Amino acid sequence: MDAVLTHESPQHPLPHGRAGTWWQIAWPIALAVLVAAATAYGLTDGRAVAPVVAASGLVYLAAAATQRRWAAWVAFGIAFALITLDKFADLDAMPWLLALAGVLLVVGPASRRTHPWWALPLQTAAMLVLGATAVLALQLDPTVGGLLVAAALLGHAAWDIQHHRTGRVVDHALARFCAVLDVLVAVLVGAVTLTA
């Protein structure tokens, strides 16, 4: 079971031919652009994007806790739904995202799968840092909080790139999607924060 998340696990090879390779590279980028546009819609305060910072840790934690790469996509879908409800229906997504992280922290150690040993502790630490940063950003004034959100997203983009490079924890498509999304949203949040 440990082959699911380790660097040594075989990646699904890219299909032969340029069209297949192009598609596998393009669709996560296109999806990231769409999600970034949805995130930017009506954005007037960069702190409103703080739940995205928490969600960025949650998706990796889901894959590490379950030792299933696809679980990151499921966690993304749930987080996206919660953040959408936060934006349009006045549901506070942050407690829900943090509660889901807590559930994953219980599920992970309770699982019989224990390898690789480093995956869950590393992703737990990342979730704690990102969750705390998101909560802190909401407590700060709009300028400092917005810039903190932008900085956290850029930091997570580096995390995405490292995971894409090593092939660990999540699949390449998710790491590519998250890296592009994080950079785009960080730039948008920075621009909104500095021009408000």
N, C-alpha and C. Protein backbone atom coordinates (compact mmCIF):
# COMPACT_ATOMS: atom_id res chain seq x y z
N MET A 1 0.81 -1.21 0.00
CA MET A 1 0.00 0.00 0.00
C MET A 1 0.85 1.27 0.00
N ASP A 2 2.07 1.17 0.53
CA ASP A 2 2.87 2.38 0.63
C ASP A 2 3.30 2.91 -0.72
N ALA A 3 3.18 2.11 -1.76
CA ALA A 3 3.57 2.59 -3.09
C ALA A 3 2.63 3.68 -3.60
N VAL A 4 1.49 3.80 -2.96
CA VAL A 4 0.53 4.79 -3.43
C VAL A 4 1.09 6.21 -3.34
N LEU A 5 1.85 6.52 -2.30
CA LEU A 5 2.29 7.89 -2.08
C LEU A 5 3.79 8.12 -2.23
N THR A 6 4.57 7.09 -2.35
CA THR A 6 6.01 7.31 -2.35
C THR A 6 6.51 7.81 -3.69
N HIS A 7 7.69 8.37 -3.65
CA HIS A 7 8.34 8.86 -4.85
C HIS A 7 8.59 7.71 -5.82
N GLU A 8 8.82 6.52 -5.29
CA GLU A 8 9.15 5.38 -6.13
C GLU A 8 7.92 4.80 -6.82
N SER A 9 6.73 5.21 -6.41
CA SER A 9 5.55 4.63 -7.02
C SER A 9 5.46 5.01 -8.48
N PRO A 10 5.01 4.10 -9.33
CA PRO A 10 4.94 4.42 -10.75
C PRO A 10 3.87 5.45 -11.02
N GLN A 11 4.21 6.41 -11.79
CA GLN A 11 3.23 7.40 -12.21
C GLN A 11 2.53 6.87 -13.45
N HIS A 12 1.30 7.30 -13.65
CA HIS A 12 0.63 6.93 -14.88
C HIS A 12 1.37 7.63 -16.01
N PRO A 13 1.87 6.87 -16.97
CA PRO A 13 2.62 7.51 -18.04
C PRO A 13 1.73 8.40 -18.88
N LEU A 14 2.33 9.42 -19.42
CA LEU A 14 1.58 10.28 -20.33
C LEU A 14 1.28 9.49 -21.59
N PRO A 15 0.11 9.69 -22.19
CA PRO A 15 -0.20 8.99 -23.42
C PRO A 15 0.79 9.36 -24.51
N HIS A 16 1.01 8.40 -25.40
CA HIS A 16 1.90 8.68 -26.52
C HIS A 16 1.24 9.67 -27.46
N GLY A 17 2.02 10.51 -28.06
CA GLY A 17 1.48 11.49 -28.99
C GLY A 17 1.36 12.85 -28.35
N ARG A 18 1.45 13.84 -29.17
CA ARG A 18 1.45 15.21 -28.69
C ARG A 18 0.10 15.63 -28.12
N ALA A 19 -1.00 15.17 -28.71
CA ALA A 19 -2.33 15.60 -28.24
C ALA A 19 -2.57 15.14 -26.80
N GLY A 20 -2.22 13.88 -26.51
CA GLY A 20 -2.42 13.38 -25.15
C GLY A 20 -1.57 14.13 -24.15
N THR A 21 -0.32 14.36 -24.47
CA THR A 21 0.57 15.08 -23.59
C THR A 21 0.07 16.50 -23.39
N TRP A 22 -0.33 17.14 -24.45
CA TRP A 22 -0.84 18.51 -24.37
C TRP A 22 -2.06 18.55 -23.48
N TRP A 23 -2.97 17.59 -23.63
CA TRP A 23 -4.19 17.59 -22.84
C TRP A 23 -3.89 17.41 -21.35
N GLN A 24 -2.99 16.50 -21.02
CA GLN A 24 -2.68 16.26 -19.61
C GLN A 24 -2.03 17.47 -18.96
N ILE A 25 -1.34 18.27 -19.73
CA ILE A 25 -0.74 19.49 -19.20
C ILE A 25 -1.76 20.62 -19.16
N ALA A 26 -2.60 20.71 -20.18
CA ALA A 26 -3.50 21.86 -20.34
C ALA A 26 -4.70 21.86 -19.42
N TRP A 27 -5.33 20.69 -19.20
CA TRP A 27 -6.61 20.75 -18.47
C TRP A 27 -6.46 21.23 -17.02
N PRO A 28 -5.40 20.84 -16.27
CA PRO A 28 -5.29 21.39 -14.91
C PRO A 28 -5.06 22.90 -14.92
N ILE A 29 -4.32 23.37 -15.91
CA ILE A 29 -4.07 24.81 -16.01
C ILE A 29 -5.37 25.55 -16.34
N ALA A 30 -6.12 25.02 -17.28
CA ALA A 30 -7.40 25.65 -17.65
C ALA A 30 -8.36 25.67 -16.46
N LEU A 31 -8.42 24.57 -15.72
CA LEU A 31 -9.28 24.51 -14.55
C LEU A 31 -8.84 25.52 -13.50
N ALA A 32 -7.53 25.66 -13.32
CA ALA A 32 -7.00 26.63 -12.36
C ALA A 32 -7.38 28.06 -12.74
N VAL A 33 -7.33 28.36 -14.02
CA VAL A 33 -7.72 29.70 -14.48
C VAL A 33 -9.20 29.95 -14.19
N LEU A 34 -10.05 28.96 -14.44
CA LEU A 34 -11.49 29.11 -14.16
C LEU A 34 -11.76 29.30 -12.67
N VAL A 35 -11.10 28.50 -11.83
CA VAL A 35 -11.31 28.62 -10.39
C VAL A 35 -10.77 29.96 -9.88
N ALA A 36 -9.65 30.41 -10.42
CA ALA A 36 -9.10 31.71 -10.04
C ALA A 36 -10.06 32.83 -10.42
N ALA A 37 -10.67 32.73 -11.60
CA ALA A 37 -11.64 33.74 -12.03
C ALA A 37 -12.85 33.74 -11.10
N ALA A 38 -13.30 32.56 -10.72
CA ALA A 38 -14.44 32.48 -9.79
C ALA A 38 -14.06 33.06 -8.42
N THR A 39 -12.84 32.84 -8.00
CA THR A 39 -12.36 33.38 -6.72
C THR A 39 -12.28 34.89 -6.77
N ALA A 40 -11.87 35.42 -7.92
CA ALA A 40 -11.72 36.87 -8.08
C ALA A 40 -13.05 37.59 -8.20
N TYR A 41 -14.10 36.88 -8.58
CA TYR A 41 -15.40 37.51 -8.80
C TYR A 41 -15.88 38.22 -7.53
N GLY A 42 -16.07 39.52 -7.64
CA GLY A 42 -16.59 40.32 -6.53
C GLY A 42 -15.61 40.51 -5.38
N LEU A 43 -14.36 40.18 -5.57
CA LEU A 43 -13.39 40.27 -4.47
C LEU A 43 -13.01 41.72 -4.19
N THR A 44 -13.24 42.16 -2.97
CA THR A 44 -12.88 43.52 -2.56
C THR A 44 -11.94 43.53 -1.36
N ASP A 45 -11.78 42.39 -0.72
CA ASP A 45 -10.93 42.27 0.48
C ASP A 45 -10.17 40.96 0.37
N GLY A 46 -8.85 41.05 0.30
CA GLY A 46 -8.02 39.86 0.15
C GLY A 46 -8.18 38.85 1.27
N ARG A 47 -8.60 39.31 2.43
CA ARG A 47 -8.79 38.39 3.56
C ARG A 47 -9.91 37.39 3.29
N ALA A 48 -10.82 37.73 2.36
CA ALA A 48 -11.91 36.82 2.03
C ALA A 48 -11.41 35.53 1.40
N VAL A 49 -10.17 35.54 0.93
CA VAL A 49 -9.59 34.36 0.29
C VAL A 49 -8.86 33.48 1.31
N ALA A 50 -8.86 33.87 2.57
CA ALA A 50 -8.19 33.07 3.61
C ALA A 50 -8.63 31.60 3.63
N PRO A 51 -9.92 31.29 3.41
CA PRO A 51 -10.29 29.87 3.38
C PRO A 51 -9.58 29.08 2.29
N VAL A 52 -9.19 29.73 1.20
CA VAL A 52 -8.45 29.04 0.15
C VAL A 52 -7.08 28.59 0.67
N VAL A 53 -6.48 29.39 1.54
CA VAL A 53 -5.20 29.02 2.15
C VAL A 53 -5.38 27.74 2.97
N ALA A 54 -6.41 27.69 3.79
CA ALA A 54 -6.67 26.48 4.58
C ALA A 54 -6.98 25.29 3.68
N ALA A 55 -7.75 25.53 2.63
CA ALA A 55 -8.10 24.45 1.71
C ALA A 55 -6.88 23.90 1.00
N SER A 56 -5.90 24.75 0.75
CA SER A 56 -4.70 24.27 0.06
C SER A 56 -3.95 23.23 0.88
N GLY A 57 -3.98 23.37 2.19
CA GLY A 57 -3.39 22.35 3.04
C GLY A 57 -4.27 21.13 3.16
N LEU A 58 -5.58 21.34 3.16
CA LEU A 58 -6.53 20.25 3.33
C LEU A 58 -6.43 19.21 2.22
N VAL A 59 -6.25 19.65 0.98
CA VAL A 59 -6.24 18.70 -0.14
C VAL A 59 -5.04 17.75 -0.03
N TYR A 60 -3.89 18.27 0.36
CA TYR A 60 -2.72 17.41 0.54
C TYR A 60 -2.88 16.50 1.75
N LEU A 61 -3.45 17.04 2.81
CA LEU A 61 -3.68 16.25 4.01
C LEU A 61 -4.62 15.08 3.71
N ALA A 62 -5.63 15.30 2.89
CA ALA A 62 -6.57 14.24 2.53
C ALA A 62 -5.86 13.09 1.83
N ALA A 63 -4.98 13.42 0.90
CA ALA A 63 -4.24 12.37 0.20
C ALA A 63 -3.30 11.62 1.15
N ALA A 64 -2.64 12.35 2.04
CA ALA A 64 -1.70 11.72 2.97
C ALA A 64 -2.43 10.85 4.00
N ALA A 65 -3.56 11.34 4.52
CA ALA A 65 -4.28 10.60 5.56
C ALA A 65 -4.90 9.32 5.02
N THR A 66 -5.39 9.37 3.80
CA THR A 66 -6.04 8.20 3.20
C THR A 66 -5.07 7.36 2.38
N GLN A 67 -3.91 7.92 2.08
CA GLN A 67 -2.92 7.32 1.19
C GLN A 67 -3.53 6.98 -0.16
N ARG A 68 -4.35 7.88 -0.63
CA ARG A 68 -4.97 7.78 -1.95
C ARG A 68 -4.83 9.14 -2.63
N ARG A 69 -4.14 9.17 -3.73
CA ARG A 69 -3.91 10.43 -4.45
C ARG A 69 -5.23 11.09 -4.85
N TRP A 70 -6.19 10.30 -5.28
CA TRP A 70 -7.46 10.85 -5.73
C TRP A 70 -8.24 11.54 -4.62
N ALA A 71 -7.92 11.22 -3.37
CA ALA A 71 -8.62 11.85 -2.24
C ALA A 71 -8.38 13.36 -2.22
N ALA A 72 -7.26 13.80 -2.78
CA ALA A 72 -6.99 15.24 -2.85
C ALA A 72 -8.03 15.94 -3.73
N TRP A 73 -8.42 15.31 -4.82
CA TRP A 73 -9.45 15.90 -5.70
C TRP A 73 -10.81 15.94 -4.99
N VAL A 74 -11.11 14.89 -4.24
CA VAL A 74 -12.37 14.88 -3.48
C VAL A 74 -12.36 16.01 -2.45
N ALA A 75 -11.24 16.15 -1.75
CA ALA A 75 -11.13 17.23 -0.76
C ALA A 75 -11.23 18.59 -1.44
N PHE A 76 -10.64 18.73 -2.63
CA PHE A 76 -10.76 19.99 -3.35
C PHE A 76 -12.22 20.28 -3.66
N GLY A 77 -12.96 19.29 -4.14
CA GLY A 77 -14.37 19.49 -4.47
C GLY A 77 -15.18 19.92 -3.27
N ILE A 78 -14.94 19.28 -2.13
CA ILE A 78 -15.65 19.65 -0.90
C ILE A 78 -15.27 21.07 -0.47
N ALA A 79 -13.97 21.36 -0.50
CA ALA A 79 -13.51 22.70 -0.11
C ALA A 79 -14.07 23.76 -1.05
N PHE A 80 -14.09 23.47 -2.34
CA PHE A 80 -14.62 24.43 -3.31
C PHE A 80 -16.10 24.72 -3.02
N ALA A 81 -16.86 23.65 -2.72
CA ALA A 81 -18.28 23.84 -2.39
C ALA A 81 -18.44 24.70 -1.14
N LEU A 82 -17.65 24.43 -0.11
CA LEU A 82 -17.73 25.20 1.13
C LEU A 82 -17.35 26.67 0.90
N ILE A 83 -16.30 26.89 0.13
CA ILE A 83 -15.85 28.26 -0.13
C ILE A 83 -16.86 29.01 -1.00
N THR A 84 -17.50 28.30 -1.92
CA THR A 84 -18.56 28.91 -2.72
C THR A 84 -19.74 29.31 -1.85
N LEU A 85 -20.12 28.43 -0.91
CA LEU A 85 -21.20 28.77 0.02
C LEU A 85 -20.80 29.93 0.92
N ASP A 86 -19.53 29.99 1.29
CA ASP A 86 -19.02 31.11 2.08
C ASP A 86 -19.20 32.42 1.31
N LYS A 87 -18.90 32.36 0.04
CA LYS A 87 -18.94 33.57 -0.79
C LYS A 87 -20.36 34.04 -1.11
N PHE A 88 -21.25 33.08 -1.36
CA PHE A 88 -22.57 33.46 -1.86
C PHE A 88 -23.72 33.20 -0.88
N ALA A 89 -23.48 32.42 0.17
CA ALA A 89 -24.58 32.09 1.08
C ALA A 89 -24.25 32.40 2.54
N ASP A 90 -23.22 33.15 2.79
CA ASP A 90 -22.84 33.56 4.14
C ASP A 90 -22.57 32.40 5.09
N LEU A 91 -22.11 31.28 4.55
CA LEU A 91 -21.66 30.18 5.40
C LEU A 91 -20.18 30.43 5.70
N ASP A 92 -19.79 30.34 6.95
CA ASP A 92 -18.38 30.52 7.30
C ASP A 92 -17.65 29.21 7.02
N ALA A 93 -16.87 29.18 5.94
CA ALA A 93 -16.20 27.95 5.50
C ALA A 93 -15.05 27.55 6.42
N MET A 94 -14.42 28.52 7.06
CA MET A 94 -13.20 28.22 7.81
C MET A 94 -13.39 27.15 8.88
N PRO A 95 -14.41 27.23 9.75
CA PRO A 95 -14.56 26.17 10.76
C PRO A 95 -14.78 24.80 10.13
N TRP A 96 -15.49 24.76 9.04
CA TRP A 96 -15.75 23.49 8.36
C TRP A 96 -14.47 22.90 7.79
N LEU A 97 -13.65 23.75 7.17
CA LEU A 97 -12.38 23.27 6.61
C LEU A 97 -11.46 22.75 7.71
N LEU A 98 -11.40 23.47 8.81
CA LEU A 98 -10.55 23.05 9.93
C LEU A 98 -11.09 21.78 10.59
N ALA A 99 -12.41 21.65 10.65
CA ALA A 99 -13.01 20.43 11.21
C ALA A 99 -12.71 19.23 10.32
N LEU A 100 -12.78 19.42 9.01
CA LEU A 100 -12.44 18.32 8.09
C LEU A 100 -10.98 17.91 8.27
N ALA A 101 -10.11 18.88 8.45
CA ALA A 101 -8.70 18.57 8.70
C ALA A 101 -8.57 17.75 9.98
N GLY A 102 -9.33 18.12 11.00
CA GLY A 102 -9.31 17.36 12.26
C GLY A 102 -9.76 15.93 12.06
N VAL A 103 -10.80 15.73 11.28
CA VAL A 103 -11.28 14.37 10.99
C VAL A 103 -10.19 13.57 10.28
N LEU A 104 -9.52 14.19 9.33
CA LEU A 104 -8.45 13.50 8.60
C LEU A 104 -7.29 13.14 9.51
N LEU A 105 -7.03 13.98 10.50
CA LEU A 105 -5.96 13.68 11.45
C LEU A 105 -6.30 12.49 12.34
N VAL A 106 -7.59 12.23 12.51
CA VAL A 106 -8.01 11.04 13.26
C VAL A 106 -7.99 9.82 12.35
N VAL A 107 -8.47 9.99 11.12
CA VAL A 107 -8.54 8.89 10.15
C VAL A 107 -7.15 8.37 9.80
N GLY A 108 -6.20 9.29 9.59
CA GLY A 108 -4.87 8.89 9.15
C GLY A 108 -4.19 7.91 10.09
N PRO A 109 -3.98 8.28 11.36
CA PRO A 109 -3.32 7.35 12.29
C PRO A 109 -4.15 6.09 12.56
N ALA A 110 -5.47 6.18 12.45
CA ALA A 110 -6.31 5.01 12.71
C ALA A 110 -6.25 4.00 11.57
N SER A 111 -5.79 4.46 10.42
CA SER A 111 -5.69 3.57 9.26
C SER A 111 -4.61 2.52 9.50
N ARG A 112 -4.80 1.36 8.94
CA ARG A 112 -3.79 0.32 9.07
C ARG A 112 -2.59 0.60 8.18
N ARG A 113 -2.77 1.44 7.21
CA ARG A 113 -1.66 1.78 6.32
C ARG A 113 -0.77 2.78 7.06
N THR A 114 0.47 2.47 7.15
CA THR A 114 1.38 3.32 7.91
C THR A 114 2.56 3.83 7.09
N HIS A 115 2.62 3.53 5.82
CA HIS A 115 3.77 3.93 5.02
C HIS A 115 3.32 4.83 3.88
N PRO A 116 4.14 5.73 3.42
CA PRO A 116 5.43 6.09 4.00
C PRO A 116 5.23 6.87 5.29
N TRP A 117 6.12 6.70 6.22
CA TRP A 117 5.96 7.27 7.56
C TRP A 117 5.95 8.79 7.56
N TRP A 118 6.60 9.42 6.59
CA TRP A 118 6.77 10.87 6.60
C TRP A 118 5.57 11.63 6.04
N ALA A 119 4.73 10.98 5.26
CA ALA A 119 3.68 11.70 4.52
C ALA A 119 2.70 12.41 5.45
N LEU A 120 2.12 11.69 6.39
CA LEU A 120 1.11 12.30 7.26
C LEU A 120 1.69 13.36 8.18
N PRO A 121 2.81 13.13 8.86
CA PRO A 121 3.36 14.20 9.71
C PRO A 121 3.71 15.46 8.92
N LEU A 122 4.27 15.29 7.74
CA LEU A 122 4.65 16.45 6.93
C LEU A 122 3.43 17.24 6.49
N GLN A 123 2.41 16.55 6.01
CA GLN A 123 1.20 17.24 5.55
C GLN A 123 0.40 17.80 6.74
N THR A 124 0.50 17.17 7.89
CA THR A 124 -0.14 17.70 9.09
C THR A 124 0.51 19.02 9.49
N ALA A 125 1.83 19.06 9.47
CA ALA A 125 2.54 20.30 9.79
C ALA A 125 2.16 21.40 8.81
N ALA A 126 2.09 21.06 7.54
CA ALA A 126 1.71 22.06 6.53
C ALA A 126 0.29 22.56 6.78
N MET A 127 -0.62 21.65 7.12
CA MET A 127 -2.00 22.04 7.39
C MET A 127 -2.08 22.96 8.59
N LEU A 128 -1.31 22.65 9.63
CA LEU A 128 -1.30 23.50 10.83
C LEU A 128 -0.80 24.91 10.51
N VAL A 129 0.26 25.00 9.74
CA VAL A 129 0.81 26.31 9.37
C VAL A 129 -0.19 27.08 8.50
N LEU A 130 -0.73 26.41 7.49
CA LEU A 130 -1.67 27.09 6.58
C LEU A 130 -2.97 27.45 7.29
N GLY A 131 -3.49 26.55 8.11
CA GLY A 131 -4.72 26.85 8.85
C GLY A 131 -4.53 28.02 9.81
N ALA A 132 -3.41 28.02 10.54
CA ALA A 132 -3.13 29.12 11.47
C ALA A 132 -2.94 30.43 10.72
N THR A 133 -2.28 30.38 9.58
CA THR A 133 -2.08 31.59 8.77
C THR A 133 -3.41 32.14 8.29
N ALA A 134 -4.29 31.25 7.84
CA ALA A 134 -5.61 31.69 7.37
C ALA A 134 -6.42 32.33 8.48
N VAL A 135 -6.40 31.71 9.66
CA VAL A 135 -7.14 32.26 10.80
C VAL A 135 -6.55 33.61 11.20
N LEU A 136 -5.23 33.70 11.25
CA LEU A 136 -4.56 34.95 11.61
C LEU A 136 -4.89 36.06 10.62
N ALA A 137 -4.87 35.74 9.32
CA ALA A 137 -5.15 36.75 8.30
C ALA A 137 -6.52 37.38 8.50
N LEU A 138 -7.48 36.59 8.93
CA LEU A 138 -8.83 37.12 9.16
C LEU A 138 -8.89 38.09 10.33
N GLN A 139 -7.92 37.99 11.25
CA GLN A 139 -7.91 38.85 12.43
C GLN A 139 -7.19 40.18 12.18
N LEU A 140 -6.44 40.26 11.11
CA LEU A 140 -5.61 41.44 10.84
C LEU A 140 -6.38 42.48 10.03
N ASP A 141 -5.80 43.67 9.92
CA ASP A 141 -6.45 44.69 9.10
C ASP A 141 -6.39 44.26 7.63
N PRO A 142 -7.24 44.87 6.76
CA PRO A 142 -7.34 44.40 5.38
C PRO A 142 -6.03 44.36 4.61
N THR A 143 -5.18 45.35 4.80
CA THR A 143 -3.93 45.37 4.03
C THR A 143 -2.98 44.27 4.48
N VAL A 144 -2.71 44.20 5.77
CA VAL A 144 -1.78 43.19 6.28
C VAL A 144 -2.36 41.79 6.08
N GLY A 145 -3.64 41.62 6.37
CA GLY A 145 -4.28 40.32 6.19
C GLY A 145 -4.28 39.87 4.74
N GLY A 146 -4.59 40.78 3.84
CA GLY A 146 -4.58 40.44 2.42
C GLY A 146 -3.20 40.06 1.92
N LEU A 147 -2.18 40.81 2.36
CA LEU A 147 -0.81 40.49 1.95
C LEU A 147 -0.34 39.17 2.55
N LEU A 148 -0.80 38.86 3.77
CA LEU A 148 -0.46 37.58 4.37
C LEU A 148 -1.09 36.43 3.58
N VAL A 149 -2.32 36.60 3.14
CA VAL A 149 -2.98 35.59 2.31
C VAL A 149 -2.20 35.39 1.02
N ALA A 150 -1.83 36.49 0.37
CA ALA A 150 -1.08 36.39 -0.89
C ALA A 150 0.25 35.68 -0.67
N ALA A 151 0.96 36.03 0.40
CA ALA A 151 2.25 35.39 0.69
C ALA A 151 2.08 33.90 0.98
N ALA A 152 1.03 33.54 1.72
CA ALA A 152 0.78 32.12 2.02
C ALA A 152 0.50 31.34 0.75
N LEU A 153 -0.26 31.94 -0.16
CA LEU A 153 -0.55 31.25 -1.42
C LEU A 153 0.70 31.07 -2.26
N LEU A 154 1.57 32.07 -2.28
CA LEU A 154 2.83 31.92 -3.03
C LEU A 154 3.71 30.85 -2.38
N GLY A 155 3.72 30.81 -1.05
CA GLY A 155 4.46 29.77 -0.36
C GLY A 155 3.92 28.39 -0.69
N HIS A 156 2.60 28.29 -0.76
CA HIS A 156 2.01 26.99 -1.10
C HIS A 156 2.27 26.62 -2.55
N ALA A 157 2.38 27.61 -3.42
CA ALA A 157 2.72 27.31 -4.82
C ALA A 157 4.09 26.63 -4.89
N ALA A 158 5.03 27.07 -4.06
CA ALA A 158 6.34 26.41 -4.01
C ALA A 158 6.18 24.97 -3.53
N TRP A 159 5.30 24.75 -2.57
CA TRP A 159 4.99 23.40 -2.06
C TRP A 159 4.44 22.54 -3.20
N ASP A 160 3.52 23.12 -3.98
CA ASP A 160 2.95 22.41 -5.14
C ASP A 160 4.03 22.01 -6.13
N ILE A 161 4.92 22.94 -6.42
CA ILE A 161 5.97 22.68 -7.40
C ILE A 161 6.89 21.56 -6.90
N GLN A 162 7.21 21.58 -5.63
CA GLN A 162 8.05 20.51 -5.06
C GLN A 162 7.36 19.16 -5.17
N HIS A 163 6.07 19.11 -4.88
CA HIS A 163 5.34 17.84 -4.98
C HIS A 163 5.19 17.40 -6.44
N HIS A 164 5.04 18.35 -7.33
CA HIS A 164 4.99 18.00 -8.76
C HIS A 164 6.32 17.43 -9.20
N ARG A 165 7.39 18.04 -8.76
CA ARG A 165 8.73 17.60 -9.15
C ARG A 165 9.04 16.20 -8.63
N THR A 166 8.65 15.91 -7.38
CA THR A 166 8.97 14.63 -6.77
C THR A 166 7.93 13.55 -7.04
N GLY A 167 6.72 13.96 -7.41
CA GLY A 167 5.65 12.99 -7.63
C GLY A 167 5.10 12.40 -6.35
N ARG A 168 5.30 13.08 -5.23
CA ARG A 168 4.85 12.55 -3.95
C ARG A 168 3.45 13.05 -3.57
N VAL A 169 2.73 12.23 -2.86
CA VAL A 169 1.46 12.50 -2.17
C VAL A 169 0.28 12.71 -3.12
N VAL A 170 0.36 13.67 -4.04
CA VAL A 170 -0.74 13.94 -4.97
C VAL A 170 -0.27 13.69 -6.40
N ASP A 171 -1.22 13.55 -7.31
CA ASP A 171 -0.82 13.33 -8.69
C ASP A 171 -0.32 14.63 -9.33
N HIS A 172 0.36 14.47 -10.46
CA HIS A 172 0.94 15.63 -11.13
C HIS A 172 -0.11 16.66 -11.53
N ALA A 173 -1.28 16.18 -11.95
CA ALA A 173 -2.33 17.11 -12.39
C ALA A 173 -2.78 18.00 -11.25
N LEU A 174 -2.96 17.43 -10.06
CA LEU A 174 -3.40 18.24 -8.93
C LEU A 174 -2.32 19.23 -8.52
N ALA A 175 -1.07 18.78 -8.48
CA ALA A 175 0.02 19.69 -8.11
C ALA A 175 0.13 20.84 -9.12
N ARG A 176 -0.02 20.53 -10.40
CA ARG A 176 0.04 21.57 -11.44
C ARG A 176 -1.13 22.54 -11.29
N PHE A 177 -2.33 21.99 -11.11
CA PHE A 177 -3.53 22.80 -10.92
C PHE A 177 -3.36 23.74 -9.73
N CYS A 178 -2.92 23.19 -8.60
CA CYS A 178 -2.78 24.00 -7.38
C CYS A 178 -1.71 25.07 -7.53
N ALA A 179 -0.60 24.74 -8.18
CA ALA A 179 0.47 25.73 -8.35
C ALA A 179 -0.02 26.92 -9.17
N VAL A 180 -0.70 26.64 -10.27
CA VAL A 180 -1.21 27.73 -11.11
C VAL A 180 -2.28 28.52 -10.37
N LEU A 181 -3.19 27.82 -9.71
CA LEU A 181 -4.24 28.49 -8.95
C LEU A 181 -3.66 29.37 -7.85
N ASP A 182 -2.72 28.84 -7.10
CA ASP A 182 -2.13 29.61 -6.00
C ASP A 182 -1.46 30.88 -6.49
N VAL A 183 -0.70 30.78 -7.58
CA VAL A 183 -0.01 31.96 -8.11
C VAL A 183 -1.01 32.99 -8.62
N LEU A 184 -2.00 32.54 -9.40
CA LEU A 184 -2.99 33.48 -9.94
C LEU A 184 -3.76 34.18 -8.83
N VAL A 185 -4.23 33.41 -7.86
CA VAL A 185 -5.02 34.00 -6.78
C VAL A 185 -4.15 34.92 -5.91
N ALA A 186 -2.89 34.54 -5.68
CA ALA A 186 -1.99 35.39 -4.91
C ALA A 186 -1.81 36.75 -5.59
N VAL A 187 -1.64 36.73 -6.90
CA VAL A 187 -1.47 37.98 -7.66
C VAL A 187 -2.76 38.81 -7.58
N LEU A 188 -3.91 38.16 -7.73
CA LEU A 188 -5.19 38.86 -7.65
C LEU A 188 -5.40 39.47 -6.25
N VAL A 189 -5.12 38.68 -5.21
CA VAL A 189 -5.28 39.18 -3.85
C VAL A 189 -4.33 40.34 -3.59
N GLY A 190 -3.09 40.22 -4.05
CA GLY A 190 -2.13 41.30 -3.88
C GLY A 190 -2.58 42.57 -4.56
N ALA A 191 -3.10 42.42 -5.79
CA ALA A 191 -3.56 43.60 -6.54
C ALA A 191 -4.77 44.25 -5.85
N VAL A 192 -5.72 43.44 -5.41
CA VAL A 192 -6.90 43.99 -4.72
C VAL A 192 -6.49 44.65 -3.43
N THR A 193 -5.59 44.03 -2.70
CA THR A 193 -5.16 44.58 -1.40
C THR A 193 -4.42 45.90 -1.56
N LEU A 194 -3.56 45.98 -2.53
CA LEU A 194 -2.74 47.19 -2.68
C LEU A 194 -3.45 48.33 -3.40
N THR A 195 -4.57 48.04 -4.04
CA THR A 195 -5.31 49.10 -4.74
C THR A 195 -6.59 49.48 -4.02
N ALA A 196 -6.89 48.79 -2.93
CA ALA A 196 -8.13 49.09 -2.19
C ALA A 196 -8.05 50.42 -1.47
